Amino acid sequence: MAGDRQAERRDSTSPGTPAPSAFVRLGEGEFHARLAATAGVAIALFTAPHCGACRAWKRLLPDALGDVVQVFYEIDVSEATGVARGFDIFHLPTIYLYRDGRFHAELQCPAQAGTIRETALHLLHRPAQEEP
């Protein structure tokens, strides 16, 4: 039973390593419905198994934004190919901010906790951007 729980928590960026409990993996069929039903601020982190930068961001985001973000979602683009194509995701990691189920902004900044926090708060205080 304990092994089954660990297997369920494995992430795409570290094969064989349990995912941080802060992240919920979203698959192809549940992406839009789950995000639409999410109240508050959510992060959608698009990753892939080979992406070293994705692992770094995955460690940084909960520390930088744990008190701001209600849910951290991880989307493995090698599994959720339709979602990745729908957003034209070509560079990883790609990080989207959602507010109350709607796209708010793309988070683009250096991978430093203070900068991530400052940039995210700035984006959240501005009007929502158009969804990609």
N, C-alpha and C. Protein backbone atom coordinates (compact mmCIF):
# COMPACT_ATOMS: atom_id res chain seq x y z
N MET A 1 0.83 -1.20 0.00
CA MET A 1 0.00 0.00 0.00
C MET A 1 0.86 1.25 0.00
N ALA A 2 1.86 1.33 0.87
CA ALA A 2 2.73 2.51 0.92
C ALA A 2 3.46 2.68 -0.40
N GLY A 3 3.88 1.58 -1.03
CA GLY A 3 4.53 1.66 -2.33
C GLY A 3 3.61 2.21 -3.39
N ASP A 4 2.31 1.86 -3.32
CA ASP A 4 1.34 2.37 -4.27
C ASP A 4 1.19 3.88 -4.14
N ARG A 5 1.15 4.37 -2.90
CA ARG A 5 1.03 5.81 -2.70
C ARG A 5 2.24 6.55 -3.24
N GLN A 6 3.42 5.97 -3.04
CA GLN A 6 4.63 6.61 -3.58
C GLN A 6 4.59 6.61 -5.09
N ALA A 7 4.16 5.52 -5.71
CA ALA A 7 4.11 5.44 -7.16
C ALA A 7 3.17 6.50 -7.72
N GLU A 8 2.07 6.78 -7.03
CA GLU A 8 1.13 7.80 -7.48
C GLU A 8 1.73 9.19 -7.42
N ARG A 9 2.70 9.42 -6.57
CA ARG A 9 3.25 10.75 -6.39
C ARG A 9 4.51 10.99 -7.22
N ARG A 10 4.91 10.05 -8.04
CA ARG A 10 6.11 10.25 -8.83
C ARG A 10 5.87 11.37 -9.83
N ASP A 11 6.91 12.14 -10.08
CA ASP A 11 6.76 13.26 -11.00
C ASP A 11 7.49 13.02 -12.30
N SER A 12 7.23 13.87 -13.28
CA SER A 12 7.81 13.69 -14.61
C SER A 12 9.25 14.16 -14.68
N THR A 13 9.66 15.00 -13.77
CA THR A 13 11.00 15.58 -13.87
C THR A 13 12.06 14.77 -13.15
N SER A 14 11.66 13.86 -12.32
CA SER A 14 12.61 13.04 -11.57
C SER A 14 12.12 11.60 -11.54
N PRO A 15 12.26 10.86 -12.65
CA PRO A 15 11.76 9.49 -12.67
C PRO A 15 12.27 8.70 -11.47
N GLY A 16 11.35 8.04 -10.79
CA GLY A 16 11.72 7.23 -9.64
C GLY A 16 11.77 8.00 -8.33
N THR A 17 11.57 9.32 -8.38
CA THR A 17 11.63 10.15 -7.18
C THR A 17 10.24 10.67 -6.85
N PRO A 18 9.78 10.53 -5.61
CA PRO A 18 8.46 11.06 -5.27
C PRO A 18 8.39 12.57 -5.51
N ALA A 19 7.24 13.02 -5.98
CA ALA A 19 7.03 14.44 -6.24
C ALA A 19 6.86 15.18 -4.93
N PRO A 20 7.28 16.46 -4.89
CA PRO A 20 6.98 17.26 -3.71
C PRO A 20 5.47 17.29 -3.51
N SER A 21 5.02 17.22 -2.29
CA SER A 21 3.59 17.15 -2.02
C SER A 21 2.86 18.40 -2.47
N ALA A 22 3.58 19.48 -2.73
CA ALA A 22 2.95 20.73 -3.15
C ALA A 22 2.35 20.63 -4.55
N PHE A 23 2.82 19.70 -5.39
CA PHE A 23 2.38 19.63 -6.78
C PHE A 23 1.37 18.53 -7.01
N VAL A 24 0.35 18.86 -7.81
CA VAL A 24 -0.66 17.91 -8.25
C VAL A 24 -0.45 17.73 -9.75
N ARG A 25 -0.27 16.49 -10.19
CA ARG A 25 -0.08 16.23 -11.61
C ARG A 25 -1.41 16.26 -12.33
N LEU A 26 -1.44 16.94 -13.47
CA LEU A 26 -2.63 16.97 -14.30
C LEU A 26 -2.34 16.27 -15.62
N GLY A 27 -3.25 15.42 -16.03
CA GLY A 27 -3.12 14.73 -17.30
C GLY A 27 -3.91 15.43 -18.39
N GLU A 28 -3.80 14.88 -19.56
CA GLU A 28 -4.44 15.43 -20.76
C GLU A 28 -5.93 15.71 -20.56
N GLY A 29 -6.65 14.73 -20.04
CA GLY A 29 -8.10 14.85 -19.98
C GLY A 29 -8.65 15.70 -18.85
N GLU A 30 -7.82 16.05 -17.89
CA GLU A 30 -8.34 16.77 -16.72
C GLU A 30 -7.84 18.21 -16.61
N PHE A 31 -6.93 18.61 -17.48
CA PHE A 31 -6.28 19.92 -17.36
C PHE A 31 -7.30 21.05 -17.29
N HIS A 32 -8.12 21.20 -18.31
CA HIS A 32 -9.03 22.35 -18.39
C HIS A 32 -10.08 22.33 -17.29
N ALA A 33 -10.66 21.17 -17.03
CA ALA A 33 -11.71 21.08 -16.01
C ALA A 33 -11.17 21.37 -14.61
N ARG A 34 -10.02 20.81 -14.29
CA ARG A 34 -9.45 21.02 -12.95
C ARG A 34 -9.07 22.48 -12.74
N LEU A 35 -8.43 23.10 -13.74
CA LEU A 35 -8.05 24.50 -13.58
C LEU A 35 -9.28 25.39 -13.49
N ALA A 36 -10.28 25.12 -14.31
CA ALA A 36 -11.50 25.93 -14.28
C ALA A 36 -12.19 25.86 -12.92
N ALA A 37 -12.05 24.74 -12.23
CA ALA A 37 -12.71 24.55 -10.93
C ALA A 37 -11.84 25.01 -9.76
N THR A 38 -10.66 25.53 -10.03
CA THR A 38 -9.74 25.92 -8.96
C THR A 38 -10.00 27.35 -8.50
N ALA A 39 -10.32 27.50 -7.23
CA ALA A 39 -10.52 28.83 -6.65
C ALA A 39 -9.17 29.40 -6.22
N GLY A 40 -9.04 30.70 -6.29
CA GLY A 40 -7.81 31.35 -5.87
C GLY A 40 -6.75 31.30 -6.95
N VAL A 41 -5.50 31.40 -6.53
CA VAL A 41 -4.37 31.45 -7.46
C VAL A 41 -3.79 30.05 -7.62
N ALA A 42 -3.53 29.68 -8.86
CA ALA A 42 -2.92 28.39 -9.17
C ALA A 42 -1.74 28.61 -10.11
N ILE A 43 -0.78 27.71 -10.01
CA ILE A 43 0.37 27.68 -10.92
C ILE A 43 0.24 26.43 -11.77
N ALA A 44 0.43 26.58 -13.07
CA ALA A 44 0.53 25.44 -13.98
C ALA A 44 1.97 25.41 -14.48
N LEU A 45 2.72 24.40 -14.05
CA LEU A 45 4.12 24.24 -14.41
C LEU A 45 4.21 23.14 -15.46
N PHE A 46 4.57 23.50 -16.68
CA PHE A 46 4.72 22.55 -17.77
C PHE A 46 6.15 22.03 -17.75
N THR A 47 6.29 20.70 -17.66
CA THR A 47 7.59 20.07 -17.47
C THR A 47 7.78 18.91 -18.45
N ALA A 48 8.96 18.31 -18.39
CA ALA A 48 9.26 17.08 -19.12
C ALA A 48 10.32 16.32 -18.33
N PRO A 49 10.38 15.01 -18.52
CA PRO A 49 11.32 14.20 -17.73
C PRO A 49 12.78 14.61 -17.87
N HIS A 50 13.18 15.11 -19.02
CA HIS A 50 14.59 15.45 -19.28
C HIS A 50 14.96 16.87 -18.87
N CYS A 51 14.04 17.63 -18.35
CA CYS A 51 14.23 19.07 -18.14
C CYS A 51 14.82 19.38 -16.76
N GLY A 52 16.11 19.69 -16.73
CA GLY A 52 16.77 20.05 -15.48
C GLY A 52 16.27 21.36 -14.90
N ALA A 53 16.00 22.34 -15.76
CA ALA A 53 15.47 23.62 -15.29
C ALA A 53 14.09 23.44 -14.65
N CYS A 54 13.32 22.49 -15.16
CA CYS A 54 12.00 22.21 -14.58
C CYS A 54 12.13 21.75 -13.13
N ARG A 55 13.12 20.91 -12.87
CA ARG A 55 13.35 20.44 -11.49
C ARG A 55 13.69 21.60 -10.57
N ALA A 56 14.52 22.53 -11.07
CA ALA A 56 14.89 23.69 -10.25
C ALA A 56 13.66 24.55 -9.94
N TRP A 57 12.84 24.82 -10.95
CA TRP A 57 11.64 25.62 -10.73
C TRP A 57 10.67 24.91 -9.79
N LYS A 58 10.59 23.61 -9.92
CA LYS A 58 9.68 22.84 -9.08
C LYS A 58 10.07 22.94 -7.60
N ARG A 59 11.34 23.05 -7.34
CA ARG A 59 11.81 23.24 -5.95
C ARG A 59 11.55 24.68 -5.49
N LEU A 60 11.74 25.64 -6.39
CA LEU A 60 11.65 27.06 -6.01
C LEU A 60 10.22 27.57 -5.83
N LEU A 61 9.32 27.15 -6.69
CA LEU A 61 7.97 27.73 -6.68
C LEU A 61 7.25 27.61 -5.34
N PRO A 62 7.19 26.44 -4.72
CA PRO A 62 6.49 26.37 -3.42
C PRO A 62 7.12 27.24 -2.34
N ASP A 63 8.44 27.34 -2.34
CA ASP A 63 9.10 28.19 -1.35
C ASP A 63 8.82 29.66 -1.60
N ALA A 64 8.84 30.06 -2.87
CA ALA A 64 8.65 31.47 -3.22
C ALA A 64 7.19 31.91 -3.11
N LEU A 65 6.26 31.00 -3.42
CA LEU A 65 4.85 31.41 -3.55
C LEU A 65 3.88 30.58 -2.72
N GLY A 66 4.39 29.81 -1.78
CA GLY A 66 3.52 28.94 -0.99
C GLY A 66 2.40 29.64 -0.25
N ASP A 67 2.61 30.90 0.12
CA ASP A 67 1.57 31.64 0.84
C ASP A 67 0.65 32.43 -0.10
N VAL A 68 0.94 32.40 -1.40
CA VAL A 68 0.17 33.15 -2.39
C VAL A 68 -0.68 32.20 -3.24
N VAL A 69 -0.12 31.05 -3.55
CA VAL A 69 -0.73 30.10 -4.47
C VAL A 69 -1.46 29.01 -3.69
N GLN A 70 -2.70 28.75 -4.09
CA GLN A 70 -3.50 27.72 -3.42
C GLN A 70 -3.16 26.32 -3.95
N VAL A 71 -2.87 26.20 -5.26
CA VAL A 71 -2.59 24.89 -5.86
C VAL A 71 -1.47 25.02 -6.88
N PHE A 72 -0.51 24.10 -6.79
CA PHE A 72 0.56 23.99 -7.78
C PHE A 72 0.27 22.76 -8.63
N TYR A 73 0.09 22.97 -9.94
CA TYR A 73 -0.15 21.86 -10.86
C TYR A 73 1.09 21.63 -11.71
N GLU A 74 1.38 20.37 -11.98
CA GLU A 74 2.45 19.99 -12.89
C GLU A 74 1.83 19.27 -14.08
N ILE A 75 2.26 19.67 -15.28
CA ILE A 75 1.77 19.05 -16.50
C ILE A 75 2.98 18.54 -17.27
N ASP A 76 3.08 17.24 -17.45
CA ASP A 76 4.17 16.62 -18.21
C ASP A 76 3.80 16.70 -19.69
N VAL A 77 4.52 17.52 -20.45
CA VAL A 77 4.18 17.72 -21.86
C VAL A 77 4.42 16.48 -22.71
N SER A 78 5.22 15.54 -22.22
CA SER A 78 5.42 14.30 -22.98
C SER A 78 4.19 13.39 -22.87
N GLU A 79 3.36 13.63 -21.88
CA GLU A 79 2.11 12.87 -21.71
C GLU A 79 0.89 13.69 -22.14
N ALA A 80 0.88 14.96 -21.84
CA ALA A 80 -0.24 15.85 -22.17
C ALA A 80 0.10 16.63 -23.44
N THR A 81 0.31 15.90 -24.52
CA THR A 81 0.77 16.54 -25.76
C THR A 81 -0.28 17.48 -26.36
N GLY A 82 -1.54 17.13 -26.23
CA GLY A 82 -2.60 17.99 -26.76
C GLY A 82 -2.66 19.34 -26.05
N VAL A 83 -2.50 19.32 -24.74
CA VAL A 83 -2.49 20.56 -23.96
C VAL A 83 -1.28 21.40 -24.36
N ALA A 84 -0.12 20.77 -24.48
CA ALA A 84 1.10 21.49 -24.88
C ALA A 84 0.94 22.11 -26.26
N ARG A 85 0.36 21.36 -27.20
CA ARG A 85 0.13 21.91 -28.55
C ARG A 85 -0.88 23.05 -28.50
N GLY A 86 -1.91 22.89 -27.69
CA GLY A 86 -2.94 23.92 -27.59
C GLY A 86 -2.40 25.26 -27.11
N PHE A 87 -1.38 25.23 -26.27
CA PHE A 87 -0.75 26.45 -25.77
C PHE A 87 0.52 26.81 -26.54
N ASP A 88 0.85 26.04 -27.57
CA ASP A 88 2.09 26.27 -28.35
C ASP A 88 3.31 26.31 -27.44
N ILE A 89 3.41 25.34 -26.55
CA ILE A 89 4.55 25.29 -25.62
C ILE A 89 5.72 24.61 -26.30
N PHE A 90 6.80 25.37 -26.46
CA PHE A 90 8.02 24.86 -27.09
C PHE A 90 9.21 24.96 -26.16
N HIS A 91 9.13 25.79 -25.13
CA HIS A 91 10.24 25.98 -24.20
C HIS A 91 9.80 25.53 -22.81
N LEU A 92 10.70 24.84 -22.14
CA LEU A 92 10.42 24.36 -20.79
C LEU A 92 11.44 24.91 -19.82
N PRO A 93 11.04 25.16 -18.61
CA PRO A 93 9.66 25.08 -18.16
C PRO A 93 8.84 26.28 -18.64
N THR A 94 7.56 26.07 -18.78
CA THR A 94 6.61 27.15 -19.02
C THR A 94 5.72 27.20 -17.79
N ILE A 95 5.50 28.41 -17.28
CA ILE A 95 4.76 28.57 -16.03
C ILE A 95 3.65 29.58 -16.23
N TYR A 96 2.42 29.13 -15.98
CA TYR A 96 1.26 30.00 -16.11
C TYR A 96 0.63 30.23 -14.74
N LEU A 97 0.20 31.46 -14.51
CA LEU A 97 -0.57 31.81 -13.32
C LEU A 97 -2.05 31.81 -13.70
N TYR A 98 -2.86 31.21 -12.86
CA TYR A 98 -4.31 31.22 -13.03
C TYR A 98 -4.92 31.85 -11.79
N ARG A 99 -6.02 32.56 -12.00
CA ARG A 99 -6.76 33.13 -10.87
C ARG A 99 -8.23 32.76 -11.03
N ASP A 100 -8.76 32.11 -10.02
CA ASP A 100 -10.16 31.68 -10.01
C ASP A 100 -10.55 30.96 -11.30
N GLY A 101 -9.70 30.04 -11.71
CA GLY A 101 -9.99 29.18 -12.86
C GLY A 101 -9.71 29.76 -14.22
N ARG A 102 -9.20 30.97 -14.26
CA ARG A 102 -8.93 31.62 -15.56
C ARG A 102 -7.46 31.98 -15.68
N PHE A 103 -6.96 31.88 -16.91
CA PHE A 103 -5.58 32.27 -17.17
C PHE A 103 -5.38 33.71 -16.75
N HIS A 104 -4.26 33.99 -16.09
CA HIS A 104 -3.96 35.36 -15.68
C HIS A 104 -2.70 35.89 -16.36
N ALA A 105 -1.61 35.11 -16.35
CA ALA A 105 -0.36 35.59 -16.94
C ALA A 105 0.64 34.45 -17.04
N GLU A 106 1.63 34.64 -17.91
CA GLU A 106 2.77 33.73 -17.95
C GLU A 106 3.84 34.30 -17.04
N LEU A 107 4.40 33.46 -16.20
CA LEU A 107 5.46 33.87 -15.28
C LEU A 107 6.80 33.64 -15.96
N GLN A 108 7.50 34.73 -16.26
CA GLN A 108 8.82 34.67 -16.88
C GLN A 108 9.77 35.56 -16.10
N CYS A 109 10.76 34.92 -15.49
CA CYS A 109 11.75 35.66 -14.72
C CYS A 109 12.90 34.71 -14.39
N PRO A 110 14.00 35.24 -13.88
CA PRO A 110 15.09 34.36 -13.45
C PRO A 110 14.63 33.42 -12.32
N ALA A 111 15.23 32.26 -12.27
CA ALA A 111 14.88 31.24 -11.28
C ALA A 111 15.54 31.53 -9.93
N GLN A 112 15.05 32.59 -9.28
CA GLN A 112 15.50 32.99 -7.95
C GLN A 112 14.26 33.29 -7.13
N ALA A 113 14.18 32.72 -5.95
CA ALA A 113 12.96 32.80 -5.14
C ALA A 113 12.44 34.23 -4.98
N GLY A 114 13.30 35.17 -4.64
CA GLY A 114 12.86 36.55 -4.45
C GLY A 114 12.32 37.17 -5.73
N THR A 115 12.97 36.89 -6.84
CA THR A 115 12.53 37.43 -8.13
C THR A 115 11.22 36.78 -8.56
N ILE A 116 11.09 35.48 -8.33
CA ILE A 116 9.85 34.78 -8.66
C ILE A 116 8.69 35.40 -7.89
N ARG A 117 8.88 35.61 -6.61
CA ARG A 117 7.83 36.18 -5.77
C ARG A 117 7.46 37.59 -6.23
N GLU A 118 8.46 38.42 -6.41
CA GLU A 118 8.23 39.80 -6.84
C GLU A 118 7.49 39.85 -8.18
N THR A 119 7.93 39.04 -9.13
CA THR A 119 7.32 39.03 -10.46
C THR A 119 5.88 38.52 -10.40
N ALA A 120 5.65 37.44 -9.67
CA ALA A 120 4.30 36.89 -9.57
C ALA A 120 3.34 37.87 -8.91
N LEU A 121 3.77 38.50 -7.82
CA LEU A 121 2.91 39.48 -7.15
C LEU A 121 2.61 40.66 -8.06
N HIS A 122 3.61 41.11 -8.80
CA HIS A 122 3.41 42.20 -9.75
C HIS A 122 2.36 41.80 -10.80
N LEU A 123 2.50 40.60 -11.37
CA LEU A 123 1.56 40.13 -12.38
C LEU A 123 0.15 40.00 -11.81
N LEU A 124 0.03 39.53 -10.59
CA LEU A 124 -1.28 39.34 -9.99
C LEU A 124 -1.97 40.65 -9.65
N HIS A 125 -1.22 41.73 -9.53
CA HIS A 125 -1.81 43.05 -9.27
C HIS A 125 -2.16 43.78 -10.56
N ARG A 126 -1.83 43.20 -11.68
CA ARG A 126 -2.15 43.79 -12.98
C ARG A 126 -3.36 43.07 -13.58
N PRO A 127 -3.99 43.68 -14.58
CA PRO A 127 -5.10 42.98 -15.26
C PRO A 127 -4.61 41.69 -15.92
N ALA A 128 -5.51 40.75 -16.07
CA ALA A 128 -5.17 39.48 -16.70
C ALA A 128 -4.73 39.69 -18.14
N GLN A 129 -3.76 38.88 -18.56
CA GLN A 129 -3.30 38.89 -19.95
C GLN A 129 -4.22 37.97 -20.76
N GLU A 130 -4.10 38.07 -22.06
CA GLU A 130 -4.85 37.18 -22.94
C GLU A 130 -4.22 35.79 -22.88
N GLU A 131 -5.07 34.77 -22.84
CA GLU A 131 -4.57 33.40 -22.79
C GLU A 131 -3.83 33.07 -24.09
N PRO A 132 -2.70 32.38 -23.97
CA PRO A 132 -1.95 32.03 -25.19
C PRO A 132 -2.73 31.12 -26.12
